[in-house]
Amino acid sequence: MWAFWIGALGTIMAAVAWYDGYRRRSPARMRAVATTYLVCLIALLVAWYVLPRP
């Protein structure tokens, strides 16, 4: 269940940061946010399958 909340919080934070970059017309910032979010999402999925379920 904790993984769900971490993912939900990360999604909200990424959306806010992406919108901030979009508003400032900063493609580099948007790309950095998207890359960081994807890395975190992949790490979360790996942890979900590797670690024992709480």
PDB file of N, CA and C in Angstrom:
ATOM      1  N   MET A   1       0.827  -1.204   0.000  1.00  0.00           N
ATOM      2  CA  MET A   1       0.000   0.000   0.000  1.00  0.00           C
ATOM      3  C   MET A   1       0.865   1.259   0.000  1.00  0.00           C
ATOM      4  N   TRP A   2       1.993   1.209   0.719  1.00  0.00           N
ATOM      5  CA  TRP A   2       2.886   2.382   0.752  1.00  0.00           C
ATOM      6  C   TRP A   2       3.396   2.709  -0.634  1.00  0.00           C
ATOM      7  N   ALA A   3       3.621   1.674  -1.464  1.00  0.00           N
ATOM      8  CA  ALA A   3       4.120   1.911  -2.822  1.00  0.00           C
ATOM      9  C   ALA A   3       3.093   2.702  -3.632  1.00  0.00           C
ATOM     10  N   PHE A   4       1.812   2.429  -3.408  1.00  0.00           N
ATOM     11  CA  PHE A   4       0.757   3.158  -4.112  1.00  0.00           C
ATOM     12  C   PHE A   4       0.799   4.642  -3.767  1.00  0.00           C
ATOM     13  N   TRP A   5       0.959   4.949  -2.473  1.00  0.00           N
ATOM     14  CA  TRP A   5       0.961   6.352  -2.052  1.00  0.00           C
ATOM     15  C   TRP A   5       2.208   7.068  -2.535  1.00  0.00           C
ATOM     16  N   ILE A   6       3.360   6.369  -2.526  1.00  0.00           N
ATOM     17  CA  ILE A   6       4.585   6.970  -3.059  1.00  0.00           C
ATOM     18  C   ILE A   6       4.399   7.274  -4.543  1.00  0.00           C
ATOM     19  N   GLY A   7       3.820   6.333  -5.265  1.00  0.00           N
ATOM     20  CA  GLY A   7       3.580   6.536  -6.689  1.00  0.00           C
ATOM     21  C   GLY A   7       2.600   7.668  -6.953  1.00  0.00           C
ATOM     22  N   ALA A   8       1.536   7.733  -6.157  1.00  0.00           N
ATOM     23  CA  ALA A   8       0.535   8.788  -6.332  1.00  0.00           C
ATOM     24  C   ALA A   8       1.135  10.163  -6.045  1.00  0.00           C
ATOM     25  N   LEU A   9       1.890  10.261  -4.959  1.00  0.00           N
ATOM     26  CA  LEU A   9       2.531  11.526  -4.602  1.00  0.00           C
ATOM     27  C   LEU A   9       3.537  11.938  -5.668  1.00  0.00           C
ATOM     28  N   GLY A  10       4.321  10.971  -6.143  1.00  0.00           N
ATOM     29  CA  GLY A  10       5.296  11.252  -7.193  1.00  0.00           C
ATOM     30  C   GLY A  10       4.630  11.720  -8.475  1.00  0.00           C
ATOM     31  N   THR A  11       3.486  11.121  -8.800  1.00  0.00           N
ATOM     32  CA  THR A  11       2.753  11.522 -10.004  1.00  0.00           C
ATOM     33  C   THR A  11       2.267  12.960  -9.888  1.00  0.00           C
ATOM     34  N   ILE A  12       1.719  13.315  -8.742  1.00  0.00           N
ATOM     35  CA  ILE A  12       1.232  14.680  -8.528  1.00  0.00           C
ATOM     36  C   ILE A  12       2.389  15.674  -8.600  1.00  0.00           C
ATOM     37  N   MET A  13       3.510  15.351  -7.928  1.00  0.00           N
ATOM     38  CA  MET A  13       4.669  16.245  -7.940  1.00  0.00           C
ATOM     39  C   MET A  13       5.230  16.394  -9.345  1.00  0.00           C
ATOM     40  N   ALA A  14       5.300  15.288 -10.094  1.00  0.00           N
ATOM     41  CA  ALA A  14       5.816  15.343 -11.459  1.00  0.00           C
ATOM     42  C   ALA A  14       4.902  16.178 -12.348  1.00  0.00           C
ATOM     43  N   ALA A  15       3.597  16.032 -12.171  1.00  0.00           N
ATOM     44  CA  ALA A  15       2.647  16.811 -12.970  1.00  0.00           C
ATOM     45  C   ALA A  15       2.790  18.302 -12.687  1.00  0.00           C
ATOM     46  N   VAL A  16       2.937  18.663 -11.418  1.00  0.00           N
ATOM     47  CA  VAL A  16       3.106  20.069 -11.049  1.00  0.00           C
ATOM     48  C   VAL A  16       4.406  20.624 -11.623  1.00  0.00           C
ATOM     49  N   ALA A  17       5.498  19.866 -11.494  1.00  0.00           N
ATOM     50  CA  ALA A  17       6.793  20.318 -12.010  1.00  0.00           C
ATOM     51  C   ALA A  17       6.772  20.414 -13.536  1.00  0.00           C
ATOM     52  N   TRP A  18       6.108  19.457 -14.194  1.00  0.00           N
ATOM     53  CA  TRP A  18       6.015  19.471 -15.654  1.00  0.00           C
ATOM     54  C   TRP A  18       5.225  20.687 -16.110  1.00  0.00           C
ATOM     55  N   TYR A  19       4.118  20.988 -15.417  1.00  0.00           N
ATOM     56  CA  TYR A  19       3.303  22.151 -15.768  1.00  0.00           C
ATOM     57  C   TYR A  19       4.091  23.440 -15.557  1.00  0.00           C
ATOM     58  N   ASP A  20       4.883  23.475 -14.489  1.00  0.00           N
ATOM     59  CA  ASP A  20       5.729  24.640 -14.218  1.00  0.00           C
ATOM     60  C   ASP A  20       6.721  24.842 -15.357  1.00  0.00           C
ATOM     61  N   GLY A  21       7.338  23.763 -15.808  1.00  0.00           N
ATOM     62  CA  GLY A  21       8.274  23.849 -16.929  1.00  0.00           C
ATOM     63  C   GLY A  21       7.568  24.245 -18.219  1.00  0.00           C
ATOM     64  N   TYR A  22       6.354  23.756 -18.406  1.00  0.00           N
ATOM     65  CA  TYR A  22       5.572  24.083 -19.604  1.00  0.00           C
ATOM     66  C   TYR A  22       5.212  25.569 -19.619  1.00  0.00           C
ATOM     67  N   ARG A  23       4.824  26.090 -18.460  1.00  0.00           N
ATOM     68  CA  ARG A  23       4.432  27.493 -18.356  1.00  0.00           C
ATOM     69  C   ARG A  23       5.617  28.416 -18.613  1.00  0.00           C
ATOM     70  N   ARG A  24       6.799  27.980 -18.162  1.00  0.00           N
ATOM     71  CA  ARG A  24       8.003  28.800 -18.362  1.00  0.00           C
ATOM     72  C   ARG A  24       8.654  28.542 -19.712  1.00  0.00           C
ATOM     73  N   ARG A  25       8.019  27.708 -20.545  1.00  0.00           N
ATOM     74  CA  ARG A  25       8.551  27.387 -21.867  1.00  0.00           C
ATOM     75  C   ARG A  25       9.980  26.858 -21.758  1.00  0.00           C
ATOM     76  N   SER A  26      10.148  25.882 -20.868  1.00  0.00           N
ATOM     77  CA  SER A  26      11.475  25.311 -20.636  1.00  0.00           C
ATOM     78  C   SER A  26      11.456  23.821 -20.979  1.00  0.00           C
ATOM     79  N   PRO A  27      11.761  23.478 -22.249  1.00  0.00           N
ATOM     80  CA  PRO A  27      11.731  22.062 -22.643  1.00  0.00           C
ATOM     81  C   PRO A  27      12.744  21.213 -21.878  1.00  0.00           C
ATOM     82  N   ALA A  28      13.901  21.793 -21.542  1.00  0.00           N
ATOM     83  CA  ALA A  28      14.935  21.038 -20.829  1.00  0.00           C
ATOM     84  C   ALA A  28      14.420  20.615 -19.451  1.00  0.00           C
ATOM     85  N   ARG A  29      13.730  21.525 -18.783  1.00  0.00           N
ATOM     86  CA  ARG A  29      13.187  21.215 -17.457  1.00  0.00           C
ATOM     87  C   ARG A  29      12.125  20.127 -17.563  1.00  0.00           C
ATOM     88  N   MET A  30      11.267  20.212 -18.578  1.00  0.00           N
ATOM     89  CA  MET A  30      10.230  19.204 -18.757  1.00  0.00           C
ATOM     90  C   MET A  30      10.848  17.843 -19.043  1.00  0.00           C
ATOM     91  N   ARG A  31      11.914  17.835 -19.860  1.00  0.00           N
ATOM     92  CA  ARG A  31      12.587  16.580 -20.191  1.00  0.00           C
ATOM     93  C   ARG A  31      13.226  15.988 -18.939  1.00  0.00           C
ATOM     94  N   ALA A  32      13.834  16.833 -18.115  1.00  0.00           N
ATOM     95  CA  ALA A  32      14.471  16.359 -16.883  1.00  0.00           C
ATOM     96  C   ALA A  32      13.431  15.767 -15.931  1.00  0.00           C
ATOM     97  N   VAL A  33      12.296  16.436 -15.804  1.00  0.00           N
ATOM     98  CA  VAL A  33      11.232  15.933 -14.930  1.00  0.00           C
ATOM     99  C   VAL A  33      10.719  14.591 -15.435  1.00  0.00           C
ATOM    100  N   ALA A  34      10.490  14.500 -16.754  1.00  0.00           N
ATOM    101  CA  ALA A  34       9.975  13.259 -17.327  1.00  0.00           C
ATOM    102  C   ALA A  34      10.962  12.111 -17.127  1.00  0.00           C
ATOM    103  N   THR A  35      12.249  12.382 -17.333  1.00  0.00           N
ATOM    104  CA  THR A  35      13.275  11.348 -17.158  1.00  0.00           C
ATOM    105  C   THR A  35      13.332  10.886 -15.705  1.00  0.00           C
ATOM    106  N   THR A  36      13.353  11.843 -14.780  1.00  0.00           N
ATOM    107  CA  THR A  36      13.406  11.506 -13.357  1.00  0.00           C
ATOM    108  C   THR A  36      12.189  10.686 -12.948  1.00  0.00           C
ATOM    109  N   TYR A  37      11.010  11.092 -13.444  1.00  0.00           N
ATOM    110  CA  TYR A  37       9.783  10.381 -13.095  1.00  0.00           C
ATOM    111  C   TYR A  37       9.805   8.952 -13.631  1.00  0.00           C
ATOM    112  N   LEU A  38      10.281   8.780 -14.869  1.00  0.00           N
ATOM    113  CA  LEU A  38      10.354   7.437 -15.448  1.00  0.00           C
ATOM    114  C   LEU A  38      11.308   6.552 -14.656  1.00  0.00           C
ATOM    115  N   VAL A  39      12.464   7.111 -14.270  1.00  0.00           N
ATOM    116  CA  VAL A  39      13.438   6.340 -13.487  1.00  0.00           C
ATOM    117  C   VAL A  39      12.819   5.914 -12.155  1.00  0.00           C
ATOM    118  N   CYS A  40      12.129   6.837 -11.491  1.00  0.00           N
ATOM    119  CA  CYS A  40      11.491   6.520 -10.212  1.00  0.00           C
ATOM    120  C   CYS A  40      10.398   5.471 -10.385  1.00  0.00           C
ATOM    121  N   LEU A  41       9.635   5.590 -11.471  1.00  0.00           N
ATOM    122  CA  LEU A  41       8.562   4.634 -11.730  1.00  0.00           C
ATOM    123  C   LEU A  41       9.120   3.235 -11.961  1.00  0.00           C
ATOM    124  N   ILE A  42      10.200   3.139 -12.744  1.00  0.00           N
ATOM    125  CA  ILE A  42      10.831   1.843 -13.006  1.00  0.00           C
ATOM    126  C   ILE A  42      11.394   1.256 -11.712  1.00  0.00           C
ATOM    127  N   ALA A  43      12.044   2.115 -10.901  1.00  0.00           N
ATOM    128  CA  ALA A  43      12.585   1.653  -9.624  1.00  0.00           C
ATOM    129  C   ALA A  43      11.464   1.145  -8.717  1.00  0.00           C
ATOM    130  N   LEU A  44      10.326   1.848  -8.734  1.00  0.00           N
ATOM    131  CA  LEU A  44       9.189   1.442  -7.912  1.00  0.00           C
ATOM    132  C   LEU A  44       8.647   0.088  -8.363  1.00  0.00           C
ATOM    133  N   LEU A  45       8.543  -0.108  -9.688  1.00  0.00           N
ATOM    134  CA  LEU A  45       8.065  -1.388 -10.215  1.00  0.00           C
ATOM    135  C   LEU A  45       9.027  -2.520  -9.869  1.00  0.00           C
ATOM    136  N   VAL A  46      10.330  -2.268 -10.003  1.00  0.00           N
ATOM    137  CA  VAL A  46      11.332  -3.281  -9.662  1.00  0.00           C
ATOM    138  C   VAL A  46      11.223  -3.637  -8.184  1.00  0.00           C
ATOM    139  N   ALA A  47      11.127  -2.612  -7.326  1.00  0.00           N
ATOM    140  CA  ALA A  47      11.009  -2.855  -5.890  1.00  0.00           C
ATOM    141  C   ALA A  47       9.731  -3.635  -5.583  1.00  0.00           C
ATOM    142  N   TRP A  48       8.659  -3.334  -6.310  1.00  0.00           N
ATOM    143  CA  TRP A  48       7.378  -4.004  -6.091  1.00  0.00           C
ATOM    144  C   TRP A  48       7.494  -5.504  -6.343  1.00  0.00           C
ATOM    145  N   TYR A  49       8.253  -5.875  -7.384  1.00  0.00           N
ATOM    146  CA  TYR A  49       8.376  -7.297  -7.724  1.00  0.00           C
ATOM    147  C   TYR A  49       9.485  -8.003  -6.944  1.00  0.00           C
ATOM    148  N   VAL A  50      10.539  -7.266  -6.552  1.00  0.00           N
ATOM    149  CA  VAL A  50      11.689  -7.890  -5.898  1.00  0.00           C
ATOM    150  C   VAL A  50      11.482  -8.004  -4.391  1.00  0.00           C
ATOM    151  N   LEU A  51      11.056  -6.914  -3.775  1.00  0.00           N
ATOM    152  CA  LEU A  51      10.919  -6.914  -2.322  1.00  0.00           C
ATOM    153  C   LEU A  51       9.682  -7.705  -1.903  1.00  0.00           C
ATOM    154  N   PRO A  52       9.733  -8.289  -0.709  1.00  0.00           N
ATOM    155  CA  PRO A  52       8.535  -8.978  -0.209  1.00  0.00           C
ATOM    156  C   PRO A  52       7.423  -7.969   0.063  1.00  0.00           C
ATOM    157  N   ARG A  53       6.188  -8.375  -0.168  1.00  0.00           N
ATOM    158  CA  ARG A  53       5.055  -7.464   0.018  1.00  0.00           C
ATOM    159  C   ARG A  53       4.853  -7.178   1.508  1.00  0.00           C
ATOM    160  N   PRO A  54       4.602  -5.922   1.848  1.00  0.00           N
ATOM    161  CA  PRO A  54       4.359  -5.589   3.271  1.00  0.00           C
ATOM    162  C   PRO A  54       2.991  -6.086   3.736  1.00  0.00           C
TER     163      PRO A  54
END
